[in-house]
Amino acid sequence: MTNQWTTVCKIDDLVDNSGVCALVEHNQVALFKVVNNDNIHIFAVSNWDPVGQANVLYRGLVGSSAEQTLVISPLYKQRYCMSTGRCLDDENISLQTYEVRQEGKDVQLKLVR
């Protein structure tokens, strides 16, 4: 198994406090650029909504709760922690998360193969 960083887009392709979808090795990934007091945090989670059974999470609302950055599903409003993938509304549900970084103007995901 190898770990590899893969460039998926440019930082300017992301929308502040919103999501975009990228196809990365046949997987849809929801990327979020969260801007807080001039601090930029980038999160990457699976775009698949396990409750709504659709690839829609990039359209979710960005929010926070107890210092956790969340994406709220646009379908049935489940709240997911973007750093852990944990669903705050149902402990049996979680999202796949991806390690993400910014290198210059590139946004990269760490893929495990």
N, C-alpha and C. Protein backbone atom coordinates (compact mmCIF):
# COMPACT_ATOMS: atom_id res chain seq x y z
N MET A 1 0.85 -1.17 0.00
CA MET A 1 0.00 0.00 0.00
C MET A 1 0.90 1.23 0.00
N THR A 2 0.59 2.19 -0.89
CA THR A 2 1.38 3.41 -0.96
C THR A 2 0.47 4.62 -0.75
N ASN A 3 1.06 5.66 -0.21
CA ASN A 3 0.37 6.93 -0.04
C ASN A 3 0.88 7.89 -1.10
N GLN A 4 -0.02 8.54 -1.78
CA GLN A 4 0.39 9.44 -2.84
C GLN A 4 -0.48 10.68 -2.82
N TRP A 5 0.15 11.85 -2.92
CA TRP A 5 -0.59 13.10 -3.03
C TRP A 5 -0.95 13.33 -4.48
N THR A 6 -2.21 13.66 -4.74
CA THR A 6 -2.70 13.88 -6.09
C THR A 6 -3.34 15.27 -6.17
N THR A 7 -2.91 16.07 -7.13
CA THR A 7 -3.50 17.39 -7.32
C THR A 7 -4.87 17.22 -7.95
N VAL A 8 -5.89 17.85 -7.33
CA VAL A 8 -7.27 17.71 -7.84
C VAL A 8 -7.81 19.02 -8.41
N CYS A 9 -7.28 20.16 -7.96
CA CYS A 9 -7.74 21.44 -8.50
C CYS A 9 -6.81 22.55 -8.00
N LYS A 10 -7.12 23.76 -8.39
CA LYS A 10 -6.42 24.94 -7.89
C LYS A 10 -7.25 25.54 -6.75
N ILE A 11 -6.60 26.22 -5.83
CA ILE A 11 -7.30 26.83 -4.71
C ILE A 11 -8.36 27.81 -5.21
N ASP A 12 -8.10 28.48 -6.33
CA ASP A 12 -9.06 29.44 -6.88
C ASP A 12 -10.29 28.76 -7.48
N ASP A 13 -10.24 27.44 -7.69
CA ASP A 13 -11.41 26.70 -8.18
C ASP A 13 -12.44 26.49 -7.08
N LEU A 14 -12.01 26.63 -5.82
CA LEU A 14 -12.92 26.42 -4.69
C LEU A 14 -13.63 27.71 -4.35
N VAL A 15 -14.84 27.57 -3.83
CA VAL A 15 -15.67 28.72 -3.46
C VAL A 15 -15.65 28.86 -1.94
N ASP A 16 -15.43 30.08 -1.46
CA ASP A 16 -15.38 30.31 -0.01
C ASP A 16 -16.66 29.82 0.66
N ASN A 17 -16.49 29.04 1.73
CA ASN A 17 -17.60 28.57 2.56
C ASN A 17 -18.67 27.83 1.78
N SER A 18 -18.21 27.06 0.81
CA SER A 18 -19.11 26.27 -0.03
C SER A 18 -18.34 25.07 -0.55
N GLY A 19 -19.02 24.21 -1.29
CA GLY A 19 -18.39 23.01 -1.79
C GLY A 19 -18.37 22.91 -3.30
N VAL A 20 -17.45 22.11 -3.81
CA VAL A 20 -17.39 21.72 -5.22
C VAL A 20 -17.15 20.22 -5.25
N CYS A 21 -17.44 19.63 -6.38
CA CYS A 21 -17.25 18.19 -6.54
C CYS A 21 -16.11 17.92 -7.51
N ALA A 22 -15.29 16.94 -7.20
CA ALA A 22 -14.19 16.52 -8.08
C ALA A 22 -14.26 15.01 -8.24
N LEU A 23 -13.97 14.55 -9.44
CA LEU A 23 -13.88 13.11 -9.70
C LEU A 23 -12.41 12.72 -9.56
N VAL A 24 -12.14 11.88 -8.56
CA VAL A 24 -10.77 11.48 -8.26
C VAL A 24 -10.71 9.96 -8.29
N GLU A 25 -10.05 9.43 -9.32
CA GLU A 25 -9.92 7.98 -9.49
C GLU A 25 -11.26 7.26 -9.31
N HIS A 26 -12.25 7.70 -10.06
CA HIS A 26 -13.59 7.09 -10.11
C HIS A 26 -14.42 7.32 -8.85
N ASN A 27 -13.96 8.18 -7.95
CA ASN A 27 -14.72 8.51 -6.74
C ASN A 27 -15.07 9.99 -6.75
N GLN A 28 -16.32 10.30 -6.41
CA GLN A 28 -16.71 11.70 -6.28
C GLN A 28 -16.31 12.18 -4.89
N VAL A 29 -15.58 13.30 -4.86
CA VAL A 29 -15.10 13.88 -3.62
C VAL A 29 -15.67 15.30 -3.50
N ALA A 30 -16.25 15.60 -2.35
CA ALA A 30 -16.74 16.95 -2.07
C ALA A 30 -15.62 17.72 -1.38
N LEU A 31 -15.22 18.84 -1.97
CA LEU A 31 -14.16 19.69 -1.43
C LEU A 31 -14.77 20.98 -0.92
N PHE A 32 -14.36 21.38 0.27
CA PHE A 32 -14.89 22.59 0.90
C PHE A 32 -13.74 23.49 1.31
N LYS A 33 -13.86 24.78 0.98
CA LYS A 33 -12.90 25.79 1.43
C LYS A 33 -13.63 26.65 2.45
N VAL A 34 -13.22 26.51 3.71
CA VAL A 34 -13.86 27.24 4.81
C VAL A 34 -12.94 28.39 5.22
N VAL A 35 -13.46 29.60 5.13
CA VAL A 35 -12.68 30.79 5.46
C VAL A 35 -13.23 31.36 6.76
N ASN A 36 -12.33 31.53 7.74
CA ASN A 36 -12.69 32.02 9.06
C ASN A 36 -11.65 33.03 9.50
N ASN A 37 -11.99 34.31 9.56
CA ASN A 37 -11.05 35.35 10.00
C ASN A 37 -9.71 35.26 9.25
N ASP A 38 -9.77 35.20 7.95
CA ASP A 38 -8.59 35.12 7.07
C ASP A 38 -7.84 33.79 7.17
N ASN A 39 -8.33 32.83 7.93
CA ASN A 39 -7.76 31.48 7.95
C ASN A 39 -8.52 30.62 6.97
N ILE A 40 -7.79 29.89 6.14
CA ILE A 40 -8.41 29.01 5.15
C ILE A 40 -8.19 27.56 5.56
N HIS A 41 -9.27 26.80 5.62
CA HIS A 41 -9.21 25.38 5.90
C HIS A 41 -9.89 24.66 4.75
N ILE A 42 -9.24 23.61 4.27
CA ILE A 42 -9.80 22.83 3.17
C ILE A 42 -10.13 21.44 3.70
N PHE A 43 -11.33 20.98 3.38
CA PHE A 43 -11.79 19.66 3.80
C PHE A 43 -12.21 18.88 2.57
N ALA A 44 -12.05 17.56 2.64
CA ALA A 44 -12.47 16.67 1.55
C ALA A 44 -13.16 15.45 2.16
N VAL A 45 -14.39 15.21 1.70
CA VAL A 45 -15.17 14.06 2.15
C VAL A 45 -15.81 13.43 0.93
N SER A 46 -16.28 12.21 1.10
CA SER A 46 -17.01 11.56 0.02
C SER A 46 -18.23 12.40 -0.33
N ASN A 47 -18.55 12.49 -1.60
CA ASN A 47 -19.73 13.24 -2.05
C ASN A 47 -21.02 12.43 -1.86
N TRP A 48 -20.89 11.14 -1.54
CA TRP A 48 -22.03 10.23 -1.40
C TRP A 48 -22.75 10.46 -0.08
N ASP A 49 -24.03 10.81 -0.16
CA ASP A 49 -24.87 10.96 1.03
C ASP A 49 -25.44 9.58 1.37
N PRO A 50 -25.00 8.97 2.46
CA PRO A 50 -25.43 7.60 2.77
C PRO A 50 -26.91 7.49 3.15
N VAL A 51 -27.52 8.57 3.58
CA VAL A 51 -28.94 8.55 3.92
C VAL A 51 -29.79 8.80 2.67
N GLY A 52 -29.47 9.84 1.94
CA GLY A 52 -30.22 10.19 0.73
C GLY A 52 -29.89 9.33 -0.47
N GLN A 53 -28.80 8.53 -0.34
CA GLN A 53 -28.38 7.62 -1.42
C GLN A 53 -28.14 8.37 -2.74
N ALA A 54 -27.40 9.49 -2.67
CA ALA A 54 -27.10 10.27 -3.87
C ALA A 54 -25.80 11.03 -3.66
N ASN A 55 -25.14 11.36 -4.75
CA ASN A 55 -23.91 12.14 -4.72
C ASN A 55 -24.26 13.63 -4.69
N VAL A 56 -24.48 14.18 -3.49
CA VAL A 56 -24.96 15.55 -3.36
C VAL A 56 -24.28 16.37 -2.27
N LEU A 57 -23.37 15.80 -1.51
CA LEU A 57 -22.87 16.51 -0.33
C LEU A 57 -22.13 17.80 -0.66
N TYR A 58 -21.57 17.92 -1.86
CA TYR A 58 -20.91 19.17 -2.21
C TYR A 58 -21.89 20.34 -2.22
N ARG A 59 -23.17 20.04 -2.33
CA ARG A 59 -24.21 21.07 -2.32
C ARG A 59 -24.70 21.38 -0.90
N GLY A 60 -24.15 20.70 0.08
CA GLY A 60 -24.59 20.88 1.46
C GLY A 60 -24.20 22.23 2.03
N LEU A 61 -24.85 22.57 3.11
CA LEU A 61 -24.55 23.82 3.82
C LEU A 61 -23.34 23.61 4.72
N VAL A 62 -22.49 24.62 4.80
CA VAL A 62 -21.33 24.58 5.69
C VAL A 62 -21.73 25.25 6.99
N GLY A 63 -21.41 24.62 8.11
CA GLY A 63 -21.75 25.18 9.41
C GLY A 63 -20.75 24.72 10.45
N SER A 64 -21.08 25.00 11.72
CA SER A 64 -20.20 24.56 12.80
C SER A 64 -21.04 24.27 14.03
N SER A 65 -20.49 23.42 14.88
CA SER A 65 -21.12 23.07 16.14
C SER A 65 -20.01 22.60 17.08
N ALA A 66 -19.94 23.18 18.25
CA ALA A 66 -18.93 22.80 19.24
C ALA A 66 -17.54 22.75 18.63
N GLU A 67 -17.19 23.78 17.89
CA GLU A 67 -15.87 23.92 17.26
C GLU A 67 -15.57 22.86 16.22
N GLN A 68 -16.59 22.19 15.69
CA GLN A 68 -16.43 21.25 14.58
C GLN A 68 -16.99 21.91 13.33
N THR A 69 -16.27 21.77 12.22
CA THR A 69 -16.78 22.26 10.95
C THR A 69 -17.63 21.17 10.33
N LEU A 70 -18.84 21.54 9.91
CA LEU A 70 -19.82 20.57 9.46
C LEU A 70 -20.25 20.83 8.02
N VAL A 71 -20.68 19.76 7.38
CA VAL A 71 -21.46 19.87 6.15
C VAL A 71 -22.83 19.28 6.49
N ILE A 72 -23.87 19.99 6.10
CA ILE A 72 -25.24 19.56 6.36
C ILE A 72 -25.83 19.10 5.05
N SER A 73 -26.26 17.85 5.01
CA SER A 73 -26.78 17.26 3.79
C SER A 73 -27.93 18.09 3.22
N PRO A 74 -27.92 18.33 1.90
CA PRO A 74 -29.01 19.09 1.30
C PRO A 74 -30.32 18.29 1.20
N LEU A 75 -30.25 16.98 1.42
CA LEU A 75 -31.46 16.16 1.28
C LEU A 75 -32.22 16.03 2.58
N TYR A 76 -31.66 15.36 3.57
CA TYR A 76 -32.38 15.11 4.82
C TYR A 76 -31.76 15.80 6.03
N LYS A 77 -30.78 16.68 5.78
CA LYS A 77 -30.21 17.58 6.79
C LYS A 77 -29.37 16.92 7.87
N GLN A 78 -28.83 15.72 7.63
CA GLN A 78 -27.89 15.14 8.59
C GLN A 78 -26.65 16.03 8.63
N ARG A 79 -26.04 16.14 9.80
CA ARG A 79 -24.84 16.94 9.99
C ARG A 79 -23.63 16.02 10.11
N TYR A 80 -22.62 16.29 9.30
CA TYR A 80 -21.40 15.48 9.29
C TYR A 80 -20.20 16.36 9.62
N CYS A 81 -19.36 15.88 10.53
CA CYS A 81 -18.10 16.55 10.85
C CYS A 81 -17.16 16.35 9.67
N MET A 82 -16.65 17.44 9.11
CA MET A 82 -15.81 17.31 7.92
C MET A 82 -14.43 16.76 8.22
N SER A 83 -13.94 16.89 9.44
CA SER A 83 -12.61 16.37 9.73
C SER A 83 -12.61 14.88 10.06
N THR A 84 -13.73 14.36 10.60
CA THR A 84 -13.78 12.94 10.98
C THR A 84 -14.76 12.12 10.14
N GLY A 85 -15.72 12.79 9.49
CA GLY A 85 -16.75 12.09 8.73
C GLY A 85 -17.92 11.62 9.58
N ARG A 86 -17.83 11.78 10.89
CA ARG A 86 -18.85 11.29 11.82
C ARG A 86 -20.15 12.06 11.65
N CYS A 87 -21.26 11.33 11.63
CA CYS A 87 -22.58 11.95 11.58
C CYS A 87 -23.00 12.31 12.99
N LEU A 88 -23.36 13.57 13.21
CA LEU A 88 -23.76 14.01 14.55
C LEU A 88 -25.18 13.57 14.89
N ASP A 89 -25.94 13.15 13.89
CA ASP A 89 -27.35 12.78 14.11
C ASP A 89 -27.59 11.28 14.18
N ASP A 90 -26.60 10.48 13.77
CA ASP A 90 -26.73 9.02 13.81
C ASP A 90 -25.34 8.42 13.91
N GLU A 91 -25.00 7.89 15.07
CA GLU A 91 -23.64 7.37 15.31
C GLU A 91 -23.29 6.17 14.44
N ASN A 92 -24.26 5.58 13.76
CA ASN A 92 -24.01 4.43 12.89
C ASN A 92 -23.62 4.84 11.47
N ILE A 93 -23.61 6.13 11.19
CA ILE A 93 -23.33 6.62 9.84
C ILE A 93 -22.08 7.48 9.87
N SER A 94 -21.26 7.34 8.83
CA SER A 94 -20.11 8.22 8.69
C SER A 94 -19.74 8.35 7.21
N LEU A 95 -18.96 9.37 6.92
CA LEU A 95 -18.47 9.63 5.57
C LEU A 95 -16.99 9.27 5.49
N GLN A 96 -16.55 8.90 4.31
CA GLN A 96 -15.12 8.76 4.08
C GLN A 96 -14.52 10.16 4.03
N THR A 97 -13.41 10.35 4.70
CA THR A 97 -12.70 11.62 4.66
C THR A 97 -11.36 11.42 3.96
N TYR A 98 -10.82 12.49 3.46
CA TYR A 98 -9.53 12.45 2.77
C TYR A 98 -8.61 13.48 3.40
N GLU A 99 -7.34 13.11 3.55
CA GLU A 99 -6.34 14.07 3.98
C GLU A 99 -6.10 15.02 2.81
N VAL A 100 -6.09 16.31 3.09
CA VAL A 100 -5.99 17.31 2.03
C VAL A 100 -4.96 18.37 2.43
N ARG A 101 -4.29 18.93 1.44
CA ARG A 101 -3.33 20.01 1.71
C ARG A 101 -3.30 20.96 0.53
N GLN A 102 -2.76 22.15 0.80
CA GLN A 102 -2.53 23.13 -0.25
C GLN A 102 -1.04 23.24 -0.47
N GLU A 103 -0.62 23.05 -1.69
CA GLU A 103 0.79 23.19 -2.09
C GLU A 103 0.85 24.29 -3.14
N GLY A 104 1.29 25.48 -2.72
CA GLY A 104 1.23 26.62 -3.64
C GLY A 104 -0.23 26.91 -3.95
N LYS A 105 -0.58 26.89 -5.22
CA LYS A 105 -1.97 27.12 -5.64
C LYS A 105 -2.73 25.81 -5.84
N ASP A 106 -2.05 24.66 -5.67
CA ASP A 106 -2.67 23.36 -5.89
C ASP A 106 -3.34 22.84 -4.62
N VAL A 107 -4.50 22.20 -4.79
CA VAL A 107 -5.16 21.47 -3.71
C VAL A 107 -4.92 19.99 -3.99
N GLN A 108 -4.39 19.29 -3.00
CA GLN A 108 -4.00 17.90 -3.18
C GLN A 108 -4.68 17.00 -2.14
N LEU A 109 -5.03 15.79 -2.59
CA LEU A 109 -5.56 14.77 -1.70
C LEU A 109 -4.53 13.68 -1.55
N LYS A 110 -4.48 13.08 -0.36
CA LYS A 110 -3.62 11.94 -0.14
C LYS A 110 -4.45 10.68 -0.39
N LEU A 111 -4.04 9.94 -1.39
CA LEU A 111 -4.75 8.71 -1.74
C LEU A 111 -3.96 7.52 -1.25
N VAL A 112 -4.66 6.57 -0.67
CA VAL A 112 -4.05 5.35 -0.18
C VAL A 112 -4.38 4.25 -1.17
N ARG A 113 -3.34 3.64 -1.70
CA ARG A 113 -3.55 2.58 -2.71
C ARG A 113 -3.00 1.28 -2.17
